[in-house]
N, C-alpha and C. Protein backbone atom coordinates (compact mmCIF):
# COMPACT_ATOMS: atom_id res chain seq x y z
N MET A 1 13.11 -12.99 3.12
CA MET A 1 14.00 -12.06 3.90
C MET A 1 13.83 -10.55 3.86
N LYS A 2 13.55 -10.36 2.32
CA LYS A 2 13.71 -8.95 1.83
C LYS A 2 12.89 -7.89 2.44
N GLN A 3 11.43 -8.83 2.75
CA GLN A 3 10.12 -8.26 2.74
C GLN A 3 10.34 -7.87 4.24
N SER A 4 10.86 -8.66 5.15
CA SER A 4 10.87 -8.84 6.46
C SER A 4 12.21 -7.63 6.90
N ILE A 5 13.07 -7.67 6.06
CA ILE A 5 13.88 -6.17 6.41
C ILE A 5 13.50 -4.70 5.99
N ILE A 6 12.57 -4.53 4.80
CA ILE A 6 11.58 -3.53 4.54
C ILE A 6 10.98 -3.20 5.78
N ALA A 7 10.17 -4.23 6.09
CA ALA A 7 9.40 -3.97 7.04
C ALA A 7 9.85 -3.44 8.53
N LEU A 8 11.06 -4.00 8.87
CA LEU A 8 11.55 -3.55 10.09
C LEU A 8 11.97 -2.27 9.98
N THR A 9 12.35 -1.79 8.55
CA THR A 9 12.79 -0.50 8.27
C THR A 9 11.80 0.81 8.61
N LEU A 10 10.95 0.21 7.83
CA LEU A 10 9.61 0.85 7.63
C LEU A 10 9.23 1.39 9.23
N SER A 11 9.50 0.13 9.83
CA SER A 11 8.81 0.32 11.60
C SER A 11 9.63 1.03 12.32
N ALA A 12 11.02 1.06 11.74
CA ALA A 12 11.70 1.79 12.53
C ALA A 12 11.82 3.49 12.58
N LEU A 13 11.61 3.54 11.34
CA LEU A 13 11.00 4.82 10.62
C LEU A 13 10.03 5.54 11.26
N ILE A 14 8.99 4.95 11.36
CA ILE A 14 7.84 5.23 11.88
C ILE A 14 7.80 5.68 13.24
N LEU A 15 8.53 4.70 14.16
CA LEU A 15 8.44 4.99 15.19
C LEU A 15 8.88 5.97 15.45
N GLY A 16 10.26 6.27 15.11
CA GLY A 16 10.87 7.50 15.18
C GLY A 16 10.19 8.71 14.63
N GLY A 17 9.60 8.66 14.12
CA GLY A 17 8.52 9.90 13.36
C GLY A 17 7.35 10.07 14.73
N CYS A 18 6.71 8.95 15.23
CA CYS A 18 5.87 9.07 16.27
C CYS A 18 6.50 10.02 17.64
N ALA A 19 7.73 9.43 17.96
CA ALA A 19 8.41 9.92 19.12
C ALA A 19 9.01 11.53 18.88
N SER A 20 8.64 12.03 17.76
CA SER A 20 9.23 13.57 17.03
C SER A 20 8.07 14.61 17.34
N ASN A 21 7.74 15.64 16.94
CA ASN A 21 7.04 16.52 17.03
C ASN A 21 6.67 16.88 15.79
N ALA A 22 6.76 15.79 14.57
CA ALA A 22 6.41 16.02 13.16
C ALA A 22 4.79 16.06 12.98
N THR A 23 4.41 16.71 12.09
CA THR A 23 2.92 16.69 11.69
C THR A 23 2.44 15.27 11.14
N ASN A 24 1.09 15.30 10.99
CA ASN A 24 0.84 13.83 10.35
C ASN A 24 1.24 13.57 8.84
N THR A 25 0.83 14.81 8.44
CA THR A 25 1.46 14.86 6.83
C THR A 25 2.98 14.74 7.02
N GLN A 26 3.67 15.45 7.38
CA GLN A 26 4.91 15.32 7.63
C GLN A 26 5.27 13.57 7.57
N LYS A 27 4.80 13.09 8.78
CA LYS A 27 5.41 11.34 9.06
C LYS A 27 4.87 10.71 7.77
N GLY A 28 3.29 11.20 7.01
CA GLY A 28 2.97 10.42 6.14
C GLY A 28 3.68 10.49 4.72
N ALA A 29 4.35 11.86 4.81
CA ALA A 29 5.12 12.21 3.34
C ALA A 29 6.66 11.35 3.80
N GLY A 30 6.83 11.18 4.74
CA GLY A 30 8.42 10.33 5.16
C GLY A 30 8.30 8.90 4.96
N ILE A 31 6.99 8.45 5.61
CA ILE A 31 6.86 7.04 5.16
C ILE A 31 6.72 7.00 3.69
N GLY A 32 5.97 7.51 2.89
CA GLY A 32 5.64 7.16 1.61
C GLY A 32 7.14 7.69 0.85
N ALA A 33 7.77 8.60 1.36
CA ALA A 33 9.39 8.72 0.77
C ALA A 33 10.30 7.31 0.58
N VAL A 34 10.28 6.88 2.33
CA VAL A 34 10.78 5.51 1.98
C VAL A 34 10.28 4.43 1.46
N ALA A 35 9.04 4.29 1.37
CA ALA A 35 8.13 3.55 0.43
C ALA A 35 8.76 3.63 -0.99
N GLY A 36 9.09 4.56 -1.51
CA GLY A 36 9.27 4.82 -2.64
C GLY A 36 10.51 4.57 -2.93
N ALA A 37 11.32 4.67 -1.87
CA ALA A 37 12.92 4.79 -1.97
C ALA A 37 12.76 2.86 -2.13
N LEU A 38 12.12 2.03 -1.32
CA LEU A 38 12.26 0.51 -1.12
C LEU A 38 11.48 -0.11 -2.47
N LEU A 39 10.62 0.98 -3.32
CA LEU A 39 10.28 0.01 -4.27
C LEU A 39 11.17 -0.43 -5.39
N GLY A 40 11.18 -1.65 -5.75
CA GLY A 40 11.90 -2.43 -6.78
C GLY A 40 13.08 -3.05 -5.88
N LYS A 41 13.52 -2.79 -4.60
CA LYS A 41 14.37 -3.88 -3.53
C LYS A 41 13.33 -4.98 -3.32
N GLY A 42 12.03 -5.30 -3.57
CA GLY A 42 11.58 -6.32 -3.40
C GLY A 42 11.46 -7.67 -4.39
N THR A 43 11.79 -6.86 -5.44
CA THR A 43 12.21 -7.64 -6.58
C THR A 43 13.65 -7.95 -6.99
N GLY A 44 14.35 -7.27 -6.06
CA GLY A 44 15.89 -7.50 -6.46
C GLY A 44 16.62 -6.47 -7.30
N ASP A 45 17.83 -6.05 -6.88
CA ASP A 45 18.10 -4.95 -7.59
C ASP A 45 18.51 -5.59 -8.98
N HIS A 46 18.65 -6.70 -9.37
CA HIS A 46 19.12 -7.26 -10.75
C HIS A 46 17.75 -6.67 -11.49
N ASP A 47 16.68 -6.62 -11.09
CA ASP A 47 15.49 -6.12 -12.30
C ASP A 47 16.04 -4.84 -12.84
N LYS A 48 15.95 -4.63 -13.55
CA LYS A 48 16.33 -3.06 -14.22
C LYS A 48 14.75 -2.87 -14.96
N SER A 49 14.01 -3.40 -15.42
CA SER A 49 12.71 -3.40 -15.81
C SER A 49 12.07 -2.01 -15.29
N ARG A 50 12.37 -1.89 -13.93
CA ARG A 50 11.87 -0.80 -12.92
C ARG A 50 12.21 0.42 -13.55
N TYR A 51 13.28 0.66 -13.98
CA TYR A 51 13.73 1.80 -14.45
C TYR A 51 13.34 2.20 -15.63
N VAL A 52 13.20 0.98 -16.48
CA VAL A 52 12.88 1.15 -17.85
C VAL A 52 11.48 1.83 -17.84
N TRP A 53 10.65 1.18 -17.12
CA TRP A 53 9.38 1.30 -16.71
C TRP A 53 9.42 3.38 -16.85
N GLY A 54 9.97 3.61 -15.72
CA GLY A 54 9.97 4.91 -15.18
C GLY A 54 10.50 6.06 -16.55
N ALA A 55 11.44 5.54 -16.93
CA ALA A 55 11.83 6.36 -18.16
C ALA A 55 10.60 6.38 -19.26
N ALA A 56 9.70 5.08 -19.68
CA ALA A 56 8.86 5.07 -20.35
C ALA A 56 8.01 5.87 -20.45
N VAL A 57 7.30 6.07 -19.00
CA VAL A 57 6.17 6.94 -18.66
C VAL A 57 6.18 8.04 -18.33
N GLY A 58 7.83 8.73 -18.21
CA GLY A 58 8.01 10.03 -17.78
C GLY A 58 7.75 10.03 -16.30
N ALA A 59 8.08 11.29 -15.81
CA ALA A 59 8.34 11.54 -14.58
C ALA A 59 7.57 12.80 -14.32
N LEU A 60 7.23 13.44 -12.73
CA LEU A 60 6.36 14.41 -12.65
C LEU A 60 7.17 15.36 -12.23
N ALA A 61 7.08 16.81 -12.07
CA ALA A 61 7.61 17.72 -11.44
C ALA A 61 7.16 18.80 -10.59
N GLY A 62 7.69 19.64 -9.71
CA GLY A 62 6.99 20.85 -9.52
C GLY A 62 5.34 20.97 -9.14
N ALA A 63 4.88 21.86 -9.67
CA ALA A 63 3.37 21.61 -9.39
C ALA A 63 2.43 20.85 -10.05
N ALA A 64 3.08 20.25 -10.88
CA ALA A 64 2.41 19.04 -11.58
C ALA A 64 2.07 17.93 -10.74
N ILE A 65 2.68 17.56 -9.91
CA ILE A 65 2.88 16.38 -8.74
C ILE A 65 1.51 16.62 -8.16
N GLY A 66 1.49 17.83 -7.69
CA GLY A 66 0.03 17.78 -6.87
C GLY A 66 -1.13 17.97 -7.59
N ASN A 67 -0.87 18.54 -8.67
CA ASN A 67 -2.21 18.30 -9.49
C ASN A 67 -2.63 17.21 -9.97
N TYR A 68 -1.68 16.11 -10.58
CA TYR A 68 -1.81 14.85 -10.95
C TYR A 68 -2.30 14.00 -9.67
N MET A 69 -1.87 14.04 -8.30
CA MET A 69 -2.27 13.45 -7.38
C MET A 69 -4.16 13.93 -7.05
N ASP A 70 -3.95 15.09 -7.12
CA ASP A 70 -5.37 15.67 -6.95
C ASP A 70 -6.58 14.81 -7.62
N LYS A 71 -6.09 15.08 -8.76
CA LYS A 71 -7.16 14.37 -9.89
C LYS A 71 -7.24 12.95 -9.40
N GLN A 72 -6.28 12.18 -9.22
CA GLN A 72 -6.26 10.67 -8.80
C GLN A 72 -6.87 10.77 -7.53
N GLU A 73 -6.62 11.30 -6.63
CA GLU A 73 -7.43 11.30 -5.40
C GLU A 73 -9.24 11.39 -5.74
N GLN A 74 -9.39 12.25 -6.40
CA GLN A 74 -10.89 12.54 -6.56
C GLN A 74 -11.47 11.24 -7.36
N GLU A 75 -10.55 10.69 -8.05
CA GLU A 75 -11.22 9.39 -8.78
C GLU A 75 -11.11 8.51 -7.80
N PHE A 76 -10.29 8.35 -7.16
CA PHE A 76 -10.62 7.18 -6.17
C PHE A 76 -11.71 7.25 -5.37
N ARG A 77 -11.87 8.63 -4.82
CA ARG A 77 -13.06 8.85 -4.11
C ARG A 77 -14.39 8.64 -4.33
N GLU A 78 -14.53 9.14 -6.02
CA GLU A 78 -15.67 8.80 -6.65
C GLU A 78 -16.29 7.12 -6.90
N GLU A 79 -14.56 6.74 -7.33
CA GLU A 79 -15.08 5.25 -7.56
C GLU A 79 -15.26 4.06 -6.49
N LEU A 80 -14.44 4.63 -5.18
CA LEU A 80 -14.49 3.88 -4.33
C LEU A 80 -15.66 4.13 -2.94
N ALA A 81 -16.61 5.19 -3.34
CA ALA A 81 -17.52 5.47 -2.61
C ALA A 81 -18.34 4.61 -1.95
N ASP A 82 -18.58 4.41 -0.61
CA ASP A 82 -19.45 3.35 -0.16
C ASP A 82 -18.76 2.08 -0.31
N SER A 83 -17.51 1.64 -0.80
CA SER A 83 -17.28 0.10 -1.12
C SER A 83 -16.60 -0.27 0.37
N GLY A 84 -15.88 0.52 1.71
CA GLY A 84 -15.48 0.06 2.48
C GLY A 84 -13.95 0.33 2.86
N VAL A 85 -13.69 0.91 0.96
CA VAL A 85 -12.08 1.29 1.29
C VAL A 85 -11.76 2.84 1.79
N SER A 86 -10.77 3.00 2.51
CA SER A 86 -10.65 4.69 2.92
C SER A 86 -9.57 5.21 2.09
N VAL A 87 -9.60 6.34 1.76
CA VAL A 87 -8.73 6.42 0.98
C VAL A 87 -8.22 8.11 1.63
N HIS A 88 -6.86 8.21 1.88
CA HIS A 88 -6.21 8.68 2.74
C HIS A 88 -5.24 9.70 1.64
N ARG A 89 -4.79 11.07 1.94
CA ARG A 89 -3.88 11.83 1.62
C ARG A 89 -3.15 12.22 2.24
N GLU A 90 -1.51 11.97 2.14
CA GLU A 90 -0.68 12.33 2.82
C GLU A 90 0.32 13.09 2.18
N GLY A 91 0.37 14.12 2.17
CA GLY A 91 1.16 15.19 1.07
C GLY A 91 1.14 14.88 0.02
N ASN A 92 1.96 14.41 -1.22
CA ASN A 92 1.40 14.25 -2.51
C ASN A 92 1.58 12.89 -2.77
N GLU A 93 1.14 12.11 -1.70
CA GLU A 93 0.79 10.44 -1.61
C GLU A 93 -0.33 9.93 -1.35
N LEU A 94 -0.98 8.90 -1.79
CA LEU A 94 -2.25 8.34 -1.19
C LEU A 94 -1.99 6.99 -0.55
N ARG A 95 -3.06 6.91 0.07
CA ARG A 95 -3.09 5.74 0.65
C ARG A 95 -4.21 5.07 0.63
N LEU A 96 -4.68 3.98 0.42
CA LEU A 96 -5.73 3.10 0.31
C LEU A 96 -6.09 2.03 1.44
N GLN A 97 -6.77 2.20 2.39
CA GLN A 97 -6.95 1.17 3.43
C GLN A 97 -7.88 0.14 2.97
N LEU A 98 -7.70 -0.99 2.67
CA LEU A 98 -8.59 -2.09 2.59
C LEU A 98 -8.67 -2.75 3.77
N PRO A 99 -10.01 -3.11 3.93
CA PRO A 99 -10.14 -3.61 5.57
C PRO A 99 -10.50 -5.11 5.16
N GLY A 100 -9.54 -5.86 5.95
CA GLY A 100 -9.66 -7.28 6.18
C GLY A 100 -10.91 -8.03 6.01
N GLN A 101 -11.82 -7.52 6.80
CA GLN A 101 -12.87 -8.26 6.99
C GLN A 101 -13.88 -8.54 6.24
N ILE A 102 -13.80 -7.35 5.14
CA ILE A 102 -14.41 -7.65 3.77
C ILE A 102 -13.72 -7.77 2.56
N THR A 103 -12.37 -8.02 2.78
CA THR A 103 -11.55 -8.33 1.79
C THR A 103 -10.95 -9.73 1.42
N PHE A 104 -10.97 -10.31 2.90
CA PHE A 104 -10.58 -11.77 3.05
C PHE A 104 -11.54 -12.32 4.46
N ALA A 105 -11.38 -13.65 4.37
CA ALA A 105 -12.03 -14.47 5.47
C ALA A 105 -11.00 -14.83 6.08
N THR A 106 -11.17 -14.80 7.35
CA THR A 106 -10.51 -14.74 8.54
C THR A 106 -9.14 -15.71 8.26
N GLY A 107 -8.15 -15.54 8.77
CA GLY A 107 -6.93 -16.37 8.58
C GLY A 107 -6.66 -16.85 6.94
N SER A 108 -7.16 -16.22 5.87
CA SER A 108 -7.08 -16.46 4.57
C SER A 108 -6.61 -15.38 3.64
N ALA A 109 -5.91 -15.80 2.81
CA ALA A 109 -5.35 -15.10 2.04
C ALA A 109 -5.90 -14.98 0.52
N THR A 110 -7.25 -15.74 0.43
CA THR A 110 -8.15 -15.50 -0.78
C THR A 110 -9.13 -14.19 -0.72
N ILE A 111 -8.78 -13.57 -1.98
CA ILE A 111 -9.94 -12.52 -1.77
C ILE A 111 -10.91 -12.74 -1.93
N SER A 112 -12.22 -12.04 -1.22
CA SER A 112 -13.40 -12.10 -1.19
C SER A 112 -14.22 -12.05 -2.55
N SER A 113 -14.94 -12.95 -3.35
CA SER A 113 -15.72 -12.63 -4.37
C SER A 113 -16.14 -11.66 -4.31
N GLN A 114 -17.00 -10.93 -3.32
CA GLN A 114 -17.92 -9.75 -3.50
C GLN A 114 -16.46 -8.20 -3.58
N PHE A 115 -15.60 -8.51 -3.29
CA PHE A 115 -14.76 -7.44 -3.13
C PHE A 115 -14.03 -7.45 -4.71
N HIS A 116 -14.03 -8.24 -5.83
CA HIS A 116 -13.50 -8.12 -6.84
C HIS A 116 -13.98 -6.69 -7.76
N GLY A 117 -15.05 -6.31 -7.44
CA GLY A 117 -15.44 -5.41 -8.21
C GLY A 117 -14.77 -4.00 -7.92
N VAL A 118 -14.53 -4.06 -6.21
CA VAL A 118 -13.78 -3.03 -5.75
C VAL A 118 -12.48 -2.79 -6.25
N LEU A 119 -11.89 -4.24 -6.34
CA LEU A 119 -10.38 -3.90 -6.70
C LEU A 119 -10.51 -3.60 -8.08
N ASP A 120 -11.37 -3.94 -9.32
CA ASP A 120 -11.89 -3.59 -10.47
C ASP A 120 -11.52 -2.10 -10.69
N ASP A 121 -12.18 -1.52 -9.87
CA ASP A 121 -12.20 0.02 -9.61
C ASP A 121 -10.68 0.71 -9.41
N VAL A 122 -10.37 -0.16 -8.21
CA VAL A 122 -8.73 0.42 -8.09
C VAL A 122 -8.05 0.07 -9.10
N ALA A 123 -8.19 -0.82 -9.76
CA ALA A 123 -6.82 -1.11 -11.12
C ALA A 123 -7.51 -0.42 -12.07
N ASN A 124 -8.85 0.06 -12.55
CA ASN A 124 -8.97 1.21 -13.48
C ASN A 124 -8.49 2.51 -13.25
N VAL A 125 -8.58 2.94 -12.09
CA VAL A 125 -7.75 4.19 -11.62
C VAL A 125 -6.36 4.12 -11.65
N LEU A 126 -5.71 3.06 -11.37
CA LEU A 126 -4.41 2.96 -11.65
C LEU A 126 -3.86 3.01 -12.56
N ASN A 127 -4.65 2.39 -13.43
CA ASN A 127 -4.11 2.42 -14.89
C ASN A 127 -4.44 3.64 -15.73
N LYS A 128 -5.07 4.54 -15.29
CA LYS A 128 -5.25 5.96 -15.79
C LYS A 128 -4.41 6.91 -15.58
N TYR A 129 -3.69 6.46 -14.25
CA TYR A 129 -2.42 7.41 -13.68
C TYR A 129 -1.55 6.56 -13.48
N GLU A 130 -0.71 6.47 -14.64
CA GLU A 130 0.38 5.75 -15.06
C GLU A 130 2.14 6.05 -14.06
N LYS A 131 1.68 7.72 -13.92
CA LYS A 131 3.06 7.90 -13.27
C LYS A 131 3.06 8.14 -12.00
N THR A 132 2.49 6.78 -11.57
CA THR A 132 2.70 6.44 -9.83
C THR A 132 3.62 4.98 -9.84
N THR A 133 4.13 4.84 -8.98
CA THR A 133 4.48 3.37 -8.19
C THR A 133 3.55 3.41 -6.93
N LEU A 134 3.51 2.41 -6.60
CA LEU A 134 2.71 1.55 -5.26
C LEU A 134 3.33 0.68 -4.46
N MET A 135 3.22 0.68 -3.20
CA MET A 135 3.57 -0.25 -2.39
C MET A 135 2.24 -0.68 -1.51
N ILE A 136 2.22 -2.43 -1.81
CA ILE A 136 1.31 -3.00 -1.11
C ILE A 136 1.53 -3.24 0.13
N GLU A 137 0.95 -3.07 1.30
CA GLU A 137 1.29 -3.73 2.68
C GLU A 137 0.52 -4.39 3.18
N GLY A 138 0.92 -5.82 3.63
CA GLY A 138 -0.29 -6.55 4.35
C GLY A 138 -0.15 -6.33 5.64
N HIS A 139 -1.29 -6.22 6.39
CA HIS A 139 -1.08 -6.38 8.10
C HIS A 139 -2.20 -7.29 8.48
N THR A 140 -1.74 -7.77 10.07
CA THR A 140 -2.58 -8.56 10.76
C THR A 140 -2.65 -7.91 11.97
N ASP A 141 -3.58 -8.33 13.09
CA ASP A 141 -3.84 -8.09 14.25
C ASP A 141 -2.71 -9.08 15.07
N ASP A 142 -2.69 -9.25 16.36
CA ASP A 142 -1.91 -9.64 17.20
C ASP A 142 -2.43 -11.19 17.67
N THR A 143 -3.23 -11.57 17.23
CA THR A 143 -3.72 -13.06 17.22
C THR A 143 -2.96 -14.11 16.94
N GLY A 144 -2.61 -15.01 17.27
CA GLY A 144 -1.73 -15.90 17.17
C GLY A 144 -0.25 -15.52 17.21
N ASN A 145 0.81 -16.56 16.15
CA ASN A 145 2.18 -16.18 16.73
C ASN A 145 2.41 -15.33 15.78
N ALA A 146 3.79 -14.39 15.62
CA ALA A 146 4.21 -13.64 14.86
C ALA A 146 4.54 -14.32 13.68
N GLN A 147 5.20 -15.39 13.76
CA GLN A 147 5.76 -15.84 12.60
C GLN A 147 4.77 -16.20 11.39
N SER A 148 3.39 -16.72 12.08
CA SER A 148 2.46 -17.01 10.95
C SER A 148 1.74 -15.83 10.86
N ASN A 149 1.56 -14.69 11.33
CA ASN A 149 1.07 -13.62 11.19
C ASN A 149 1.75 -12.63 10.02
N GLN A 150 3.23 -12.72 10.06
CA GLN A 150 3.99 -12.05 9.07
C GLN A 150 3.88 -13.25 7.50
N VAL A 151 3.67 -14.03 7.59
CA VAL A 151 3.51 -14.92 6.66
C VAL A 151 2.29 -14.83 6.03
N LEU A 152 0.97 -14.56 6.70
CA LEU A 152 -0.23 -14.36 6.35
C LEU A 152 -0.31 -13.00 5.55
N SER A 153 0.35 -12.08 6.24
CA SER A 153 0.28 -10.59 5.99
C SER A 153 1.08 -10.27 4.34
N GLU A 154 2.26 -11.49 4.23
CA GLU A 154 2.77 -10.95 2.74
C GLU A 154 2.05 -11.93 1.79
N ALA A 155 1.02 -12.88 2.20
CA ALA A 155 0.24 -13.69 1.30
C ALA A 155 -0.96 -12.65 0.69
N ARG A 156 -1.48 -12.04 2.18
CA ARG A 156 -2.31 -11.18 1.53
C ARG A 156 -2.05 -9.91 0.47
N ALA A 157 -1.15 -9.22 1.02
CA ALA A 157 0.04 -8.25 0.16
C ALA A 157 0.07 -8.92 -1.33
N ASN A 158 0.84 -10.06 -1.50
CA ASN A 158 0.42 -10.75 -2.73
C ASN A 158 -0.19 -11.22 -3.63
N ALA A 159 -1.59 -11.46 -2.73
CA ALA A 159 -2.90 -11.57 -3.52
C ALA A 159 -3.41 -10.19 -4.07
N VAL A 160 -3.61 -9.56 -3.39
CA VAL A 160 -3.62 -8.02 -4.02
C VAL A 160 -3.14 -7.31 -5.41
N ARG A 161 -1.57 -7.88 -5.03
CA ARG A 161 -0.70 -7.35 -5.95
C ARG A 161 -1.30 -8.02 -7.24
N ASN A 162 -1.12 -9.54 -7.14
CA ASN A 162 -1.82 -10.64 -8.29
C ASN A 162 -3.10 -10.03 -8.95
N TYR A 163 -3.84 -9.90 -8.63
CA TYR A 163 -5.23 -9.59 -8.80
C TYR A 163 -4.97 -8.25 -9.59
N LEU A 164 -4.27 -7.12 -9.23
CA LEU A 164 -4.19 -5.85 -9.76
C LEU A 164 -3.35 -6.14 -11.00
N THR A 165 -2.33 -6.80 -11.08
CA THR A 165 -1.61 -7.17 -12.21
C THR A 165 -2.28 -7.85 -13.37
N ALA A 166 -3.23 -8.75 -12.79
CA ALA A 166 -4.03 -9.57 -13.76
C ALA A 166 -4.79 -8.63 -14.48
N ARG A 167 -5.48 -7.44 -13.62
CA ARG A 167 -6.22 -6.29 -14.44
C ARG A 167 -5.48 -5.07 -15.23
N ASN A 168 -4.17 -5.53 -15.55
CA ASN A 168 -3.14 -4.72 -16.52
C ASN A 168 -2.62 -3.68 -15.72
N VAL A 169 -3.03 -3.50 -14.23
CA VAL A 169 -1.55 -2.98 -13.70
C VAL A 169 -0.32 -3.33 -13.74
N ASP A 170 0.69 -2.27 -14.56
CA ASP A 170 2.20 -2.97 -14.82
C ASP A 170 2.85 -3.35 -13.52
N PRO A 171 3.03 -4.56 -13.37
CA PRO A 171 3.86 -5.25 -12.40
C PRO A 171 4.95 -4.42 -12.05
N ARG A 172 5.40 -3.63 -12.74
CA ARG A 172 6.91 -2.93 -12.79
C ARG A 172 6.52 -1.68 -11.60
N ARG A 173 5.39 -1.52 -11.22
CA ARG A 173 5.01 -0.07 -10.70
C ARG A 173 4.65 -0.97 -9.35
N VAL A 174 4.93 -2.37 -9.01
CA VAL A 174 4.35 -2.72 -7.82
C VAL A 174 5.51 -3.62 -7.19
N THR A 175 5.26 -3.18 -5.96
CA THR A 175 6.10 -3.82 -4.58
C THR A 175 4.99 -4.48 -3.74
N THR A 176 5.28 -5.17 -2.56
CA THR A 176 4.71 -5.84 -1.57
C THR A 176 5.53 -6.03 -0.43
N VAL A 177 5.01 -5.87 0.54
CA VAL A 177 5.46 -6.11 1.99
C VAL A 177 4.51 -6.44 2.93
N GLY A 178 5.39 -7.42 3.73
CA GLY A 178 4.32 -7.90 4.66
C GLY A 178 4.88 -7.19 6.19
N MET A 179 4.00 -6.62 6.67
CA MET A 179 3.92 -5.68 8.16
C MET A 179 4.03 -7.01 9.41
N GLY A 180 3.15 -8.19 9.06
CA GLY A 180 2.78 -8.68 10.18
C GLY A 180 2.02 -8.06 11.20
N GLN A 181 2.12 -8.33 12.36
CA GLN A 181 1.31 -7.64 13.55
C GLN A 181 1.78 -6.34 13.89
N PHE A 182 3.16 -6.06 13.32
CA PHE A 182 3.75 -5.02 13.95
C PHE A 182 3.34 -3.46 13.73
N GLN A 183 2.52 -3.31 12.81
CA GLN A 183 2.08 -1.81 12.30
C GLN A 183 0.50 -1.85 12.65
N PRO A 184 0.14 -1.79 13.65
CA PRO A 184 -1.52 -1.81 14.14
C PRO A 184 -1.95 -0.18 13.45
N ALA A 185 -3.01 -0.37 13.03
CA ALA A 185 -3.69 1.09 12.87
C ALA A 185 -4.06 1.58 14.16
N VAL A 186 -4.45 0.41 15.24
CA VAL A 186 -5.23 1.06 16.66
C VAL A 186 -4.99 0.05 17.52
N PRO A 187 -4.60 0.40 19.18
CA PRO A 187 -4.29 -0.94 19.48
C PRO A 187 -5.09 -2.29 19.81
N ASN A 188 -4.49 -3.06 19.60
CA ASN A 188 -5.31 -4.53 19.67
C ASN A 188 -6.07 -4.52 20.86
N THR A 189 -6.82 -4.05 21.46
CA THR A 189 -7.28 -3.81 22.87
C THR A 189 -8.85 -4.38 22.78
N SER A 190 -9.16 -4.56 21.71
CA SER A 190 -10.74 -5.13 21.44
C SER A 190 -10.82 -5.85 20.01
N ASP A 191 -11.97 -6.75 19.79
CA ASP A 191 -12.15 -7.36 18.72
C ASP A 191 -12.53 -6.49 17.85
N GLN A 192 -13.10 -5.08 18.00
CA GLN A 192 -13.38 -4.42 16.93
C GLN A 192 -12.26 -3.79 16.40
N ASN A 193 -10.97 -3.47 17.32
CA ASN A 193 -9.99 -2.82 17.24
C ASN A 193 -8.80 -3.86 16.01
N ARG A 194 -9.13 -5.13 16.41
CA ARG A 194 -8.42 -6.04 15.83
C ARG A 194 -8.67 -6.24 14.55
N GLN A 195 -10.07 -5.88 14.34
CA GLN A 195 -10.96 -5.97 13.18
C GLN A 195 -10.14 -5.01 12.21
N GLN A 196 -10.23 -3.56 12.75
CA GLN A 196 -9.54 -2.56 11.92
C GLN A 196 -8.02 -2.91 11.41
N ASN A 197 -7.43 -3.91 12.26
CA ASN A 197 -5.94 -3.80 11.99
C ASN A 197 -5.69 -5.06 11.27
N ARG A 198 -6.59 -5.89 11.09
CA ARG A 198 -6.22 -6.73 9.66
C ARG A 198 -6.80 -6.32 8.35
N ARG A 199 -6.14 -5.80 7.67
CA ARG A 199 -5.83 -4.83 6.37
C ARG A 199 -4.88 -5.03 5.24
N VAL A 200 -5.03 -4.51 4.35
CA VAL A 200 -4.27 -4.20 3.28
C VAL A 200 -3.89 -3.10 3.28
N GLU A 201 -3.16 -2.52 3.06
CA GLU A 201 -3.20 -0.80 2.26
C GLU A 201 -2.20 -0.73 0.88
N LEU A 202 -2.59 0.19 0.35
CA LEU A 202 -1.68 0.48 -0.94
C LEU A 202 -1.40 2.07 -0.75
N ARG A 203 -0.20 2.08 -0.68
CA ARG A 203 0.68 3.42 -0.94
C ARG A 203 1.00 3.93 -2.28
N ILE A 204 0.63 4.91 -2.90
CA ILE A 204 0.44 5.22 -4.09
C ILE A 204 1.53 6.61 -4.09
N VAL A 205 2.48 6.46 -4.88
CA VAL A 205 3.71 7.36 -4.89
C VAL A 205 3.86 8.04 -5.99
N PRO A 206 3.67 9.17 -6.72
CA PRO A 206 4.27 9.75 -7.89
C PRO A 206 5.62 9.34 -8.31
N ASN A 207 5.70 9.29 -9.76
CA ASN A 207 7.08 9.11 -9.93
C ASN A 207 7.62 10.35 -10.42
N LYS A 208 8.73 10.93 -9.28
CA LYS A 208 9.20 12.44 -9.63
C LYS A 208 10.24 12.25 -10.42
N ALA A 209 10.46 13.54 -11.32
CA ALA A 209 11.53 13.57 -11.69
C ALA A 209 12.78 14.15 -10.91
């Protein structure tokens, strides 16, 4: 239920942003800010460990934020070159797009074994840059019914989370959300487009002071 509420909230804000004259960077920053604000809600307000984690690793402020994210972006681009993962910069936040066609079998939430090495590289970079939190978003195309797509998107996001935390990414940094079929990257008008929409995205947000 909480994941569905988060998905609806993000959907409304993203759609509102598309109706405005905001630049892509501004929209991306807005989405990331909402994601950051919702981090921790997915695991419940009673979980105080996220705040303890934030205090333990410290926070970033001012010019240090951009410099920190610059370095992290560069490492992701170097580690994930030719992996099929797209690395996007949105303000001072990063978005990694994991294509579903190489990450999962059709209709499955089991990560393909050939993609394990790529996620190992993702985990290695995340572990070097601990002053960030991340939201893992699962997405589907519009094939099938909305309810089953919602469940599948949540399962895929959780599968990526479980893999990363098994590689020592602190679980207090991570939350997941299933977007179902409601946030396509491109219109679901062809098989090729639907393939692009079956994906998982990691939104990496700096822990700001």
